[in-house]
Amino acid sequence: MRVRSRRRAREVAMQTLYGVDVGRVRADWAIEDGIREAKLPPDLADYARRLVVGVQTHREEIDRRLSELLEDWSLDRLSAVDRAVLRMAACEMLHFPGIPPLVTIDEAIDIAKKFSTAESGRFVNGILARLMETSEKANWDPSQLETPPEEEEPPEPEQPEPEEEPEGSEEPEPIPEPTFWRIREPKESEQE
């Protein structure tokens, strides 16, 4: 069975993480807006959601692990795009057991090159290769998985708990349509 490429889902997840980081928007709104705009099919939409929720759930661990690999640099000094790519890929590498680590790294490099710079691709490659060496996927063997990689499902996202309304409040205000920072697609003349 051929697995559909998850590249577009990863791009939407990265753009959502970027928007949350830079624009300080709610992740649940941002991911749904990104999915709708990208017209992702249900399976890829679910994958994008799981990546975003995974980063949010494990952000402290992800940031700590990435910070340990940055020499003479801090995570908050990285470009927001590079930080989003690294967080997304680290989450996939550390918490999505069925995804081959080299696939994660290759996808992250390509996304970094597309949305940031060619130098970002090399930088992302170096950090993620070192992360792989220190992760459980260092000696990744798909035959050790209970389910084949193409059938592996990442953990289900936890649904955010609804905010409680204060007692005696009137009708709630309608939720505004979500908007957040977008990373523009590179023009053909800017590529390469």
N, C-alpha and C. Protein backbone atom coordinates (compact mmCIF):
# COMPACT_ATOMS: atom_id res chain seq x y z
N MET A 1 0.84 -1.18 0.00
CA MET A 1 0.00 0.00 0.00
C MET A 1 0.88 1.25 0.00
N ARG A 2 0.63 2.15 -0.91
CA ARG A 2 1.42 3.38 -1.01
C ARG A 2 0.86 4.41 -0.04
N VAL A 3 1.75 5.00 0.73
CA VAL A 3 1.36 6.02 1.70
C VAL A 3 1.37 7.38 1.03
N ARG A 4 0.32 8.14 1.26
CA ARG A 4 0.26 9.50 0.72
C ARG A 4 1.31 10.36 1.41
N SER A 5 1.96 11.21 0.66
CA SER A 5 2.98 12.10 1.23
C SER A 5 2.35 13.01 2.28
N ARG A 6 3.05 13.14 3.38
CA ARG A 6 2.58 14.00 4.47
C ARG A 6 3.23 15.38 4.42
N ARG A 7 3.92 15.69 3.34
CA ARG A 7 4.64 16.97 3.24
C ARG A 7 3.71 18.15 3.48
N ARG A 8 2.58 18.18 2.80
CA ARG A 8 1.68 19.34 2.94
C ARG A 8 1.14 19.45 4.36
N ALA A 9 0.87 18.31 5.01
CA ALA A 9 0.41 18.33 6.40
C ALA A 9 1.51 18.90 7.31
N ARG A 10 2.75 18.53 7.03
CA ARG A 10 3.87 19.05 7.82
C ARG A 10 4.02 20.55 7.60
N GLU A 11 3.84 21.00 6.37
CA GLU A 11 3.94 22.43 6.08
C GLU A 11 2.86 23.21 6.82
N VAL A 12 1.64 22.70 6.82
CA VAL A 12 0.55 23.38 7.53
C VAL A 12 0.83 23.39 9.03
N ALA A 13 1.33 22.28 9.57
CA ALA A 13 1.67 22.23 11.00
C ALA A 13 2.77 23.25 11.32
N MET A 14 3.79 23.31 10.47
CA MET A 14 4.88 24.25 10.71
C MET A 14 4.37 25.69 10.65
N GLN A 15 3.52 26.00 9.68
CA GLN A 15 2.98 27.35 9.57
C GLN A 15 2.12 27.69 10.80
N THR A 16 1.40 26.72 11.30
CA THR A 16 0.60 26.93 12.51
C THR A 16 1.50 27.22 13.70
N LEU A 17 2.54 26.41 13.86
CA LEU A 17 3.47 26.62 14.98
C LEU A 17 4.15 27.98 14.87
N TYR A 18 4.47 28.38 13.65
CA TYR A 18 5.04 29.71 13.42
C TYR A 18 4.04 30.78 13.86
N GLY A 19 2.79 30.65 13.43
CA GLY A 19 1.77 31.63 13.79
C GLY A 19 1.54 31.72 15.28
N VAL A 20 1.55 30.58 15.94
CA VAL A 20 1.37 30.56 17.39
C VAL A 20 2.56 31.24 18.07
N ASP A 21 3.75 30.97 17.59
CA ASP A 21 4.97 31.52 18.18
C ASP A 21 5.09 33.02 17.95
N VAL A 22 4.88 33.46 16.73
CA VAL A 22 5.09 34.86 16.37
C VAL A 22 3.83 35.70 16.58
N GLY A 23 2.70 35.18 16.15
CA GLY A 23 1.47 35.96 16.20
C GLY A 23 0.69 35.79 17.48
N ARG A 24 1.13 34.86 18.32
CA ARG A 24 0.46 34.61 19.60
C ARG A 24 -1.03 34.32 19.39
N VAL A 25 -1.34 33.48 18.41
CA VAL A 25 -2.72 33.08 18.15
C VAL A 25 -2.97 31.73 18.80
N ARG A 26 -4.23 31.39 18.94
CA ARG A 26 -4.60 30.09 19.51
C ARG A 26 -4.31 29.01 18.48
N ALA A 27 -3.64 27.96 18.92
CA ALA A 27 -3.25 26.88 18.02
C ALA A 27 -4.46 26.18 17.41
N ASP A 28 -5.52 25.99 18.19
CA ASP A 28 -6.68 25.27 17.66
C ASP A 28 -7.34 26.06 16.52
N TRP A 29 -7.38 27.35 16.64
CA TRP A 29 -7.93 28.16 15.55
C TRP A 29 -6.99 28.16 14.35
N ALA A 30 -5.71 28.35 14.65
CA ALA A 30 -4.72 28.47 13.58
C ALA A 30 -4.63 27.19 12.75
N ILE A 31 -4.64 26.03 13.39
CA ILE A 31 -4.52 24.80 12.63
C ILE A 31 -5.75 24.58 11.76
N GLU A 32 -6.92 24.87 12.28
CA GLU A 32 -8.14 24.68 11.48
C GLU A 32 -8.16 25.65 10.29
N ASP A 33 -7.70 26.87 10.52
CA ASP A 33 -7.61 27.85 9.43
C ASP A 33 -6.62 27.36 8.36
N GLY A 34 -5.47 26.86 8.81
CA GLY A 34 -4.46 26.35 7.88
C GLY A 34 -4.94 25.15 7.09
N ILE A 35 -5.63 24.24 7.76
CA ILE A 35 -6.18 23.04 7.10
C ILE A 35 -7.20 23.45 6.05
N ARG A 36 -8.08 24.37 6.43
CA ARG A 36 -9.12 24.82 5.50
C ARG A 36 -8.49 25.51 4.28
N GLU A 37 -7.52 26.37 4.52
CA GLU A 37 -6.88 27.09 3.42
C GLU A 37 -6.11 26.15 2.49
N ALA A 38 -5.44 25.14 3.07
CA ALA A 38 -4.66 24.19 2.27
C ALA A 38 -5.53 23.11 1.63
N LYS A 39 -6.79 23.05 2.07
CA LYS A 39 -7.72 22.04 1.55
C LYS A 39 -7.15 20.62 1.73
N LEU A 40 -6.66 20.36 2.94
CA LEU A 40 -6.09 19.05 3.23
C LEU A 40 -7.20 18.00 3.32
N PRO A 41 -6.96 16.83 2.75
CA PRO A 41 -7.92 15.74 2.95
C PRO A 41 -7.92 15.31 4.42
N PRO A 42 -8.96 14.62 4.87
CA PRO A 42 -9.10 14.29 6.30
C PRO A 42 -7.88 13.60 6.93
N ASP A 43 -7.26 12.66 6.24
CA ASP A 43 -6.12 11.96 6.84
C ASP A 43 -4.93 12.90 7.06
N LEU A 44 -4.68 13.79 6.10
CA LEU A 44 -3.57 14.74 6.26
C LEU A 44 -3.91 15.84 7.26
N ALA A 45 -5.18 16.24 7.30
CA ALA A 45 -5.61 17.23 8.29
C ALA A 45 -5.40 16.68 9.69
N ASP A 46 -5.74 15.42 9.88
CA ASP A 46 -5.56 14.78 11.18
C ASP A 46 -4.08 14.73 11.55
N TYR A 47 -3.23 14.42 10.57
CA TYR A 47 -1.79 14.35 10.84
C TYR A 47 -1.25 15.73 11.24
N ALA A 48 -1.68 16.77 10.54
CA ALA A 48 -1.24 18.13 10.87
C ALA A 48 -1.68 18.49 12.29
N ARG A 49 -2.93 18.17 12.64
CA ARG A 49 -3.42 18.45 14.00
C ARG A 49 -2.57 17.72 15.04
N ARG A 50 -2.27 16.46 14.77
CA ARG A 50 -1.50 15.66 15.73
C ARG A 50 -0.09 16.22 15.92
N LEU A 51 0.50 16.72 14.85
CA LEU A 51 1.82 17.34 14.99
C LEU A 51 1.76 18.58 15.88
N VAL A 52 0.78 19.43 15.64
CA VAL A 52 0.66 20.67 16.42
C VAL A 52 0.39 20.34 17.89
N VAL A 53 -0.55 19.43 18.13
CA VAL A 53 -0.87 19.05 19.51
C VAL A 53 0.34 18.38 20.16
N GLY A 54 1.05 17.56 19.40
CA GLY A 54 2.25 16.91 19.94
C GLY A 54 3.30 17.91 20.37
N VAL A 55 3.53 18.93 19.55
CA VAL A 55 4.51 19.97 19.93
C VAL A 55 4.03 20.70 21.17
N GLN A 56 2.76 21.04 21.22
CA GLN A 56 2.24 21.75 22.40
C GLN A 56 2.35 20.89 23.66
N THR A 57 2.01 19.62 23.53
CA THR A 57 2.03 18.72 24.67
C THR A 57 3.44 18.49 25.19
N HIS A 58 4.40 18.37 24.29
CA HIS A 58 5.77 18.01 24.66
C HIS A 58 6.76 19.17 24.48
N ARG A 59 6.24 20.38 24.44
CA ARG A 59 7.09 21.54 24.10
C ARG A 59 8.26 21.71 25.06
N GLU A 60 8.04 21.56 26.35
CA GLU A 60 9.12 21.75 27.31
C GLU A 60 10.25 20.75 27.04
N GLU A 61 9.91 19.49 26.85
CA GLU A 61 10.92 18.47 26.56
C GLU A 61 11.61 18.74 25.22
N ILE A 62 10.82 19.07 24.20
CA ILE A 62 11.37 19.34 22.86
C ILE A 62 12.35 20.51 22.93
N ASP A 63 11.93 21.61 23.56
CA ASP A 63 12.80 22.78 23.65
C ASP A 63 14.07 22.47 24.44
N ARG A 64 13.95 21.69 25.50
CA ARG A 64 15.13 21.32 26.28
C ARG A 64 16.09 20.49 25.43
N ARG A 65 15.56 19.50 24.71
CA ARG A 65 16.41 18.63 23.90
C ARG A 65 17.08 19.43 22.78
N LEU A 66 16.33 20.31 22.14
CA LEU A 66 16.92 21.13 21.07
C LEU A 66 17.96 22.09 21.63
N SER A 67 17.67 22.71 22.76
CA SER A 67 18.61 23.67 23.37
C SER A 67 19.93 23.01 23.71
N GLU A 68 19.88 21.75 24.13
CA GLU A 68 21.11 21.02 24.46
C GLU A 68 22.00 20.83 23.22
N LEU A 69 21.40 20.86 22.04
CA LEU A 69 22.15 20.62 20.81
C LEU A 69 22.66 21.91 20.16
N LEU A 70 22.16 23.04 20.59
CA LEU A 70 22.58 24.33 20.03
C LEU A 70 23.84 24.80 20.74
N GLU A 71 24.91 24.90 20.02
CA GLU A 71 26.17 25.35 20.61
C GLU A 71 26.28 26.86 20.53
N ASP A 72 26.52 27.49 21.66
CA ASP A 72 26.68 28.94 21.74
C ASP A 72 25.50 29.69 21.12
N TRP A 73 24.33 29.14 21.25
CA TRP A 73 23.14 29.74 20.67
C TRP A 73 21.96 29.34 21.53
N SER A 74 20.91 30.12 21.51
CA SER A 74 19.71 29.74 22.26
C SER A 74 18.55 29.59 21.30
N LEU A 75 17.59 28.79 21.69
CA LEU A 75 16.45 28.50 20.83
C LEU A 75 15.67 29.77 20.47
N ASP A 76 15.55 30.69 21.41
CA ASP A 76 14.80 31.91 21.14
C ASP A 76 15.52 32.86 20.19
N ARG A 77 16.80 32.63 19.92
CA ARG A 77 17.54 33.47 18.97
C ARG A 77 17.41 32.96 17.53
N LEU A 78 16.90 31.75 17.36
CA LEU A 78 16.72 31.21 16.00
C LEU A 78 15.61 31.96 15.30
N SER A 79 15.60 31.90 13.99
CA SER A 79 14.47 32.49 13.27
C SER A 79 13.22 31.70 13.65
N ALA A 80 12.09 32.36 13.65
CA ALA A 80 10.84 31.70 14.05
C ALA A 80 10.52 30.52 13.13
N VAL A 81 10.86 30.62 11.84
CA VAL A 81 10.60 29.52 10.91
C VAL A 81 11.48 28.33 11.28
N ASP A 82 12.77 28.56 11.49
CA ASP A 82 13.67 27.47 11.86
C ASP A 82 13.24 26.82 13.17
N ARG A 83 12.82 27.63 14.12
CA ARG A 83 12.37 27.11 15.41
C ARG A 83 11.12 26.23 15.23
N ALA A 84 10.19 26.69 14.41
CA ALA A 84 8.96 25.90 14.16
C ALA A 84 9.29 24.58 13.46
N VAL A 85 10.17 24.62 12.47
CA VAL A 85 10.57 23.40 11.76
C VAL A 85 11.23 22.43 12.72
N LEU A 86 12.16 22.92 13.52
CA LEU A 86 12.87 22.05 14.46
C LEU A 86 11.93 21.45 15.50
N ARG A 87 11.02 22.24 16.04
CA ARG A 87 10.07 21.72 17.03
C ARG A 87 9.19 20.64 16.41
N MET A 88 8.68 20.90 15.21
CA MET A 88 7.82 19.93 14.55
C MET A 88 8.57 18.62 14.29
N ALA A 89 9.76 18.72 13.74
CA ALA A 89 10.54 17.52 13.41
C ALA A 89 10.96 16.78 14.68
N ALA A 90 11.34 17.53 15.72
CA ALA A 90 11.73 16.88 16.98
C ALA A 90 10.55 16.12 17.57
N CYS A 91 9.37 16.70 17.49
CA CYS A 91 8.18 16.02 17.99
C CYS A 91 7.95 14.72 17.22
N GLU A 92 8.05 14.80 15.91
CA GLU A 92 7.86 13.61 15.08
C GLU A 92 8.91 12.55 15.40
N MET A 93 10.15 12.98 15.58
CA MET A 93 11.23 12.04 15.86
C MET A 93 11.09 11.40 17.24
N LEU A 94 10.70 12.18 18.22
CA LEU A 94 10.66 11.70 19.59
C LEU A 94 9.34 11.02 19.98
N HIS A 95 8.24 11.39 19.32
CA HIS A 95 6.94 10.94 19.79
C HIS A 95 6.06 10.25 18.75
N PHE A 96 6.54 10.10 17.53
CA PHE A 96 5.79 9.39 16.50
C PHE A 96 6.64 8.18 16.10
N PRO A 97 6.53 7.08 16.81
CA PRO A 97 7.46 5.96 16.64
C PRO A 97 7.48 5.31 15.26
N GLY A 98 6.41 5.39 14.51
CA GLY A 98 6.37 4.72 13.21
C GLY A 98 6.95 5.50 12.06
N ILE A 99 7.39 6.72 12.29
CA ILE A 99 7.93 7.54 11.21
C ILE A 99 9.44 7.35 11.16
N PRO A 100 9.98 6.91 10.02
CA PRO A 100 11.43 6.73 9.92
C PRO A 100 12.16 8.05 10.18
N PRO A 101 13.21 8.03 10.99
CA PRO A 101 13.89 9.28 11.35
C PRO A 101 14.49 10.01 10.14
N LEU A 102 14.97 9.27 9.15
CA LEU A 102 15.54 9.95 7.99
C LEU A 102 14.47 10.64 7.15
N VAL A 103 13.25 10.10 7.17
CA VAL A 103 12.13 10.77 6.49
C VAL A 103 11.85 12.08 7.20
N THR A 104 11.81 12.05 8.53
CA THR A 104 11.57 13.27 9.31
C THR A 104 12.62 14.32 8.98
N ILE A 105 13.88 13.92 8.97
CA ILE A 105 14.98 14.87 8.70
C ILE A 105 14.88 15.42 7.28
N ASP A 106 14.70 14.56 6.30
CA ASP A 106 14.60 15.01 4.90
C ASP A 106 13.45 15.99 4.70
N GLU A 107 12.30 15.67 5.29
CA GLU A 107 11.14 16.55 5.15
C GLU A 107 11.42 17.91 5.81
N ALA A 108 12.02 17.89 6.99
CA ALA A 108 12.32 19.14 7.69
C ALA A 108 13.31 20.00 6.90
N ILE A 109 14.30 19.36 6.31
CA ILE A 109 15.28 20.10 5.50
C ILE A 109 14.58 20.79 4.33
N ASP A 110 13.75 20.05 3.62
CA ASP A 110 13.05 20.61 2.46
C ASP A 110 12.11 21.74 2.87
N ILE A 111 11.41 21.58 3.99
CA ILE A 111 10.50 22.63 4.46
C ILE A 111 11.30 23.87 4.88
N ALA A 112 12.42 23.66 5.55
CA ALA A 112 13.26 24.80 5.95
C ALA A 112 13.77 25.55 4.73
N LYS A 113 14.22 24.82 3.71
CA LYS A 113 14.70 25.46 2.48
C LYS A 113 13.58 26.24 1.79
N LYS A 114 12.38 25.67 1.79
CA LYS A 114 11.26 26.31 1.10
C LYS A 114 10.80 27.58 1.81
N PHE A 115 10.74 27.55 3.14
CA PHE A 115 10.16 28.67 3.87
C PHE A 115 11.19 29.57 4.54
N SER A 116 12.44 29.14 4.59
CA SER A 116 13.47 29.96 5.22
C SER A 116 14.60 30.17 4.21
N THR A 117 15.77 29.60 4.44
CA THR A 117 16.89 29.79 3.53
C THR A 117 17.58 28.45 3.28
N ALA A 118 18.44 28.41 2.27
CA ALA A 118 19.22 27.20 1.99
C ALA A 118 20.12 26.88 3.17
N GLU A 119 20.65 27.91 3.82
CA GLU A 119 21.49 27.70 5.00
C GLU A 119 20.68 27.06 6.12
N SER A 120 19.40 27.39 6.20
CA SER A 120 18.54 26.80 7.22
C SER A 120 18.44 25.30 7.02
N GLY A 121 18.41 24.87 5.78
CA GLY A 121 18.36 23.43 5.49
C GLY A 121 19.55 22.71 6.08
N ARG A 122 20.73 23.27 5.90
CA ARG A 122 21.95 22.65 6.46
C ARG A 122 21.93 22.68 7.99
N PHE A 123 21.49 23.79 8.54
CA PHE A 123 21.42 23.94 9.99
C PHE A 123 20.44 22.92 10.59
N VAL A 124 19.25 22.83 10.01
CA VAL A 124 18.23 21.89 10.48
C VAL A 124 18.75 20.46 10.38
N ASN A 125 19.42 20.15 9.27
CA ASN A 125 20.00 18.82 9.10
C ASN A 125 20.96 18.49 10.24
N GLY A 126 21.86 19.40 10.56
CA GLY A 126 22.85 19.15 11.61
C GLY A 126 22.22 18.93 12.97
N ILE A 127 21.26 19.77 13.32
CA ILE A 127 20.61 19.65 14.63
C ILE A 127 19.81 18.35 14.72
N LEU A 128 19.03 18.05 13.68
CA LEU A 128 18.19 16.85 13.73
C LEU A 128 19.02 15.56 13.66
N ALA A 129 20.13 15.58 12.94
CA ALA A 129 20.99 14.40 12.90
C ALA A 129 21.54 14.12 14.30
N ARG A 130 21.91 15.18 15.01
CA ARG A 130 22.41 15.00 16.38
C ARG A 130 21.30 14.57 17.32
N LEU A 131 20.09 15.09 17.10
CA LEU A 131 18.95 14.66 17.91
C LEU A 131 18.66 13.18 17.69
N MET A 132 18.73 12.75 16.44
CA MET A 132 18.48 11.35 16.13
C MET A 132 19.48 10.45 16.87
N GLU A 133 20.74 10.87 16.92
CA GLU A 133 21.78 10.07 17.59
C GLU A 133 21.49 9.87 19.07
N THR A 134 20.81 10.83 19.69
CA THR A 134 20.52 10.75 21.12
C THR A 134 19.10 10.27 21.41
N SER A 135 18.36 9.90 20.37
CA SER A 135 16.97 9.48 20.56
C SER A 135 16.85 7.96 20.48
N GLU A 136 15.66 7.48 20.78
CA GLU A 136 15.39 6.05 20.67
C GLU A 136 15.44 5.58 19.22
N LYS A 137 15.39 6.49 18.30
CA LYS A 137 15.43 6.13 16.88
C LYS A 137 16.85 6.06 16.33
N ALA A 138 17.85 6.14 17.20
CA ALA A 138 19.24 6.10 16.74
C ALA A 138 19.51 4.83 15.94
N ASN A 139 18.97 3.73 16.36
CA ASN A 139 19.14 2.46 15.65
C ASN A 139 17.77 1.98 15.18
N TRP A 140 17.04 2.86 14.53
CA TRP A 140 15.66 2.60 14.15
C TRP A 140 15.56 1.37 13.26
N ASP A 141 14.68 0.48 13.64
CA ASP A 141 14.45 -0.76 12.90
C ASP A 141 12.94 -0.94 12.78
N PRO A 142 12.39 -0.74 11.58
CA PRO A 142 10.94 -0.84 11.44
C PRO A 142 10.38 -2.22 11.79
N SER A 143 11.20 -3.26 11.73
CA SER A 143 10.71 -4.60 12.05
C SER A 143 10.41 -4.75 13.55
N GLN A 144 10.92 -3.83 14.37
CA GLN A 144 10.66 -3.88 15.81
C GLN A 144 9.34 -3.22 16.20
N LEU A 145 8.69 -2.58 15.23
CA LEU A 145 7.42 -1.91 15.51
C LEU A 145 6.29 -2.93 15.54
N GLU A 146 5.29 -2.65 16.38
CA GLU A 146 4.13 -3.53 16.44
C GLU A 146 3.29 -3.42 15.18
N THR A 147 3.22 -2.23 14.61
CA THR A 147 2.50 -2.01 13.37
C THR A 147 3.47 -1.44 12.35
N PRO A 148 3.27 -1.77 11.07
CA PRO A 148 4.16 -1.21 10.05
C PRO A 148 4.10 0.31 10.05
N PRO A 149 5.20 0.99 9.66
CA PRO A 149 5.24 2.45 9.70
C PRO A 149 4.09 3.12 8.96
N GLU A 150 3.70 2.59 7.81
CA GLU A 150 2.65 3.27 7.05
C GLU A 150 1.30 3.18 7.73
N GLU A 151 1.14 2.26 8.70
CA GLU A 151 -0.12 2.12 9.40
C GLU A 151 -0.07 2.71 10.80
N GLU A 152 1.10 3.15 11.22
CA GLU A 152 1.27 3.69 12.57
C GLU A 152 0.48 4.97 12.72
N GLU A 153 -0.25 5.07 13.80
CA GLU A 153 -1.01 6.27 14.09
C GLU A 153 -0.33 7.02 15.22
N PRO A 154 -0.04 8.30 15.04
CA PRO A 154 0.50 9.10 16.13
C PRO A 154 -0.56 9.21 17.23
N PRO A 155 -0.16 9.63 18.42
CA PRO A 155 -1.12 9.73 19.51
C PRO A 155 -2.26 10.67 19.16
N GLU A 156 -3.45 10.34 19.66
CA GLU A 156 -4.63 11.18 19.44
C GLU A 156 -4.43 12.52 20.11
N PRO A 157 -4.84 13.60 19.45
CA PRO A 157 -4.74 14.91 20.11
C PRO A 157 -5.77 15.02 21.22
N GLU A 158 -5.38 15.66 22.30
CA GLU A 158 -6.32 15.91 23.37
C GLU A 158 -7.16 17.12 22.97
N GLN A 159 -8.45 17.02 23.21
CA GLN A 159 -9.34 18.12 22.90
C GLN A 159 -9.18 19.19 23.98
N PRO A 160 -9.04 20.46 23.59
CA PRO A 160 -8.92 21.50 24.61
C PRO A 160 -10.19 21.59 25.43
N GLU A 161 -10.01 21.79 26.74
CA GLU A 161 -11.17 21.91 27.60
C GLU A 161 -11.82 23.27 27.37
N PRO A 162 -13.16 23.28 27.31
CA PRO A 162 -13.83 24.57 27.10
C PRO A 162 -13.61 25.48 28.31
N GLU A 163 -13.45 26.75 28.00
CA GLU A 163 -13.26 27.72 29.07
C GLU A 163 -14.58 27.92 29.80
N GLU A 164 -14.49 27.95 31.14
CA GLU A 164 -15.71 28.15 31.93
C GLU A 164 -16.08 29.63 31.93
N GLU A 165 -17.40 29.85 31.84
CA GLU A 165 -17.88 31.22 31.87
C GLU A 165 -18.12 31.63 33.31
N PRO A 166 -17.81 32.85 33.64
CA PRO A 166 -18.11 33.31 35.00
C PRO A 166 -19.61 33.31 35.22
N GLU A 167 -20.01 33.04 36.47
CA GLU A 167 -21.43 33.01 36.79
C GLU A 167 -22.06 34.36 36.55
N GLY A 168 -23.31 34.34 36.08
CA GLY A 168 -24.05 35.57 35.84
C GLY A 168 -23.67 36.28 34.56
N SER A 169 -22.87 35.65 33.71
CA SER A 169 -22.48 36.33 32.47
C SER A 169 -23.60 36.23 31.45
N GLU A 170 -23.64 37.19 30.59
CA GLU A 170 -24.64 37.23 29.53
C GLU A 170 -24.23 36.28 28.41
N GLU A 171 -24.88 36.39 27.30
CA GLU A 171 -24.54 35.58 26.13
C GLU A 171 -23.07 35.75 25.80
N PRO A 172 -22.36 34.65 25.49
CA PRO A 172 -20.95 34.81 25.12
C PRO A 172 -20.81 35.55 23.80
N GLU A 173 -19.71 36.29 23.70
CA GLU A 173 -19.44 37.00 22.46
C GLU A 173 -19.07 35.98 21.39
N PRO A 174 -19.46 36.23 20.14
CA PRO A 174 -19.08 35.27 19.09
C PRO A 174 -17.56 35.24 18.92
N ILE A 175 -17.05 34.08 18.60
CA ILE A 175 -15.61 33.92 18.40
C ILE A 175 -15.26 34.52 17.04
N PRO A 176 -14.30 35.43 17.01
CA PRO A 176 -13.91 36.02 15.72
C PRO A 176 -13.25 34.98 14.83
N GLU A 177 -13.35 35.20 13.55
CA GLU A 177 -12.69 34.32 12.58
C GLU A 177 -11.19 34.41 12.82
N PRO A 178 -10.51 33.24 12.91
CA PRO A 178 -9.08 33.28 13.22
C PRO A 178 -8.25 33.87 12.09
N THR A 179 -7.27 34.65 12.49
CA THR A 179 -6.29 35.16 11.54
C THR A 179 -4.94 35.06 12.21
N PHE A 180 -3.91 34.81 11.46
CA PHE A 180 -2.58 34.74 12.03
C PHE A 180 -1.56 35.00 10.95
N TRP A 181 -0.34 35.11 11.40
CA TRP A 181 0.76 35.36 10.48
C TRP A 181 0.86 34.22 9.50
N ARG A 182 1.12 34.54 8.30
CA ARG A 182 1.33 33.53 7.28
C ARG A 182 2.75 33.67 6.74
N ILE A 183 3.33 32.55 6.45
CA ILE A 183 4.62 32.55 5.79
C ILE A 183 4.31 32.48 4.31
N ARG A 184 4.76 33.44 3.58
CA ARG A 184 4.41 33.47 2.17
C ARG A 184 5.13 32.37 1.42
N GLU A 185 4.49 31.87 0.40
CA GLU A 185 5.11 30.88 -0.48
C GLU A 185 6.15 31.62 -1.31
N PRO A 186 7.33 31.03 -1.51
CA PRO A 186 8.34 31.70 -2.31
C PRO A 186 7.91 31.79 -3.77
N LYS A 187 8.26 32.90 -4.38
CA LYS A 187 7.99 33.07 -5.81
C LYS A 187 8.98 32.22 -6.59
N GLU A 188 8.59 31.83 -7.79
CA GLU A 188 9.48 30.99 -8.58
C GLU A 188 10.84 31.66 -8.81
N SER A 189 10.85 32.97 -8.96
CA SER A 189 12.11 33.68 -9.19
C SER A 189 13.00 33.67 -7.95
N GLU A 190 12.41 33.46 -6.76
CA GLU A 190 13.19 33.45 -5.52
C GLU A 190 13.73 32.07 -5.18
N GLN A 191 13.18 31.05 -5.81
CA GLN A 191 13.65 29.69 -5.52
C GLN A 191 14.97 29.46 -6.24
N GLU A 192 15.88 28.85 -5.50
CA GLU A 192 17.22 28.50 -5.98
C GLU A 192 18.08 29.66 -6.21
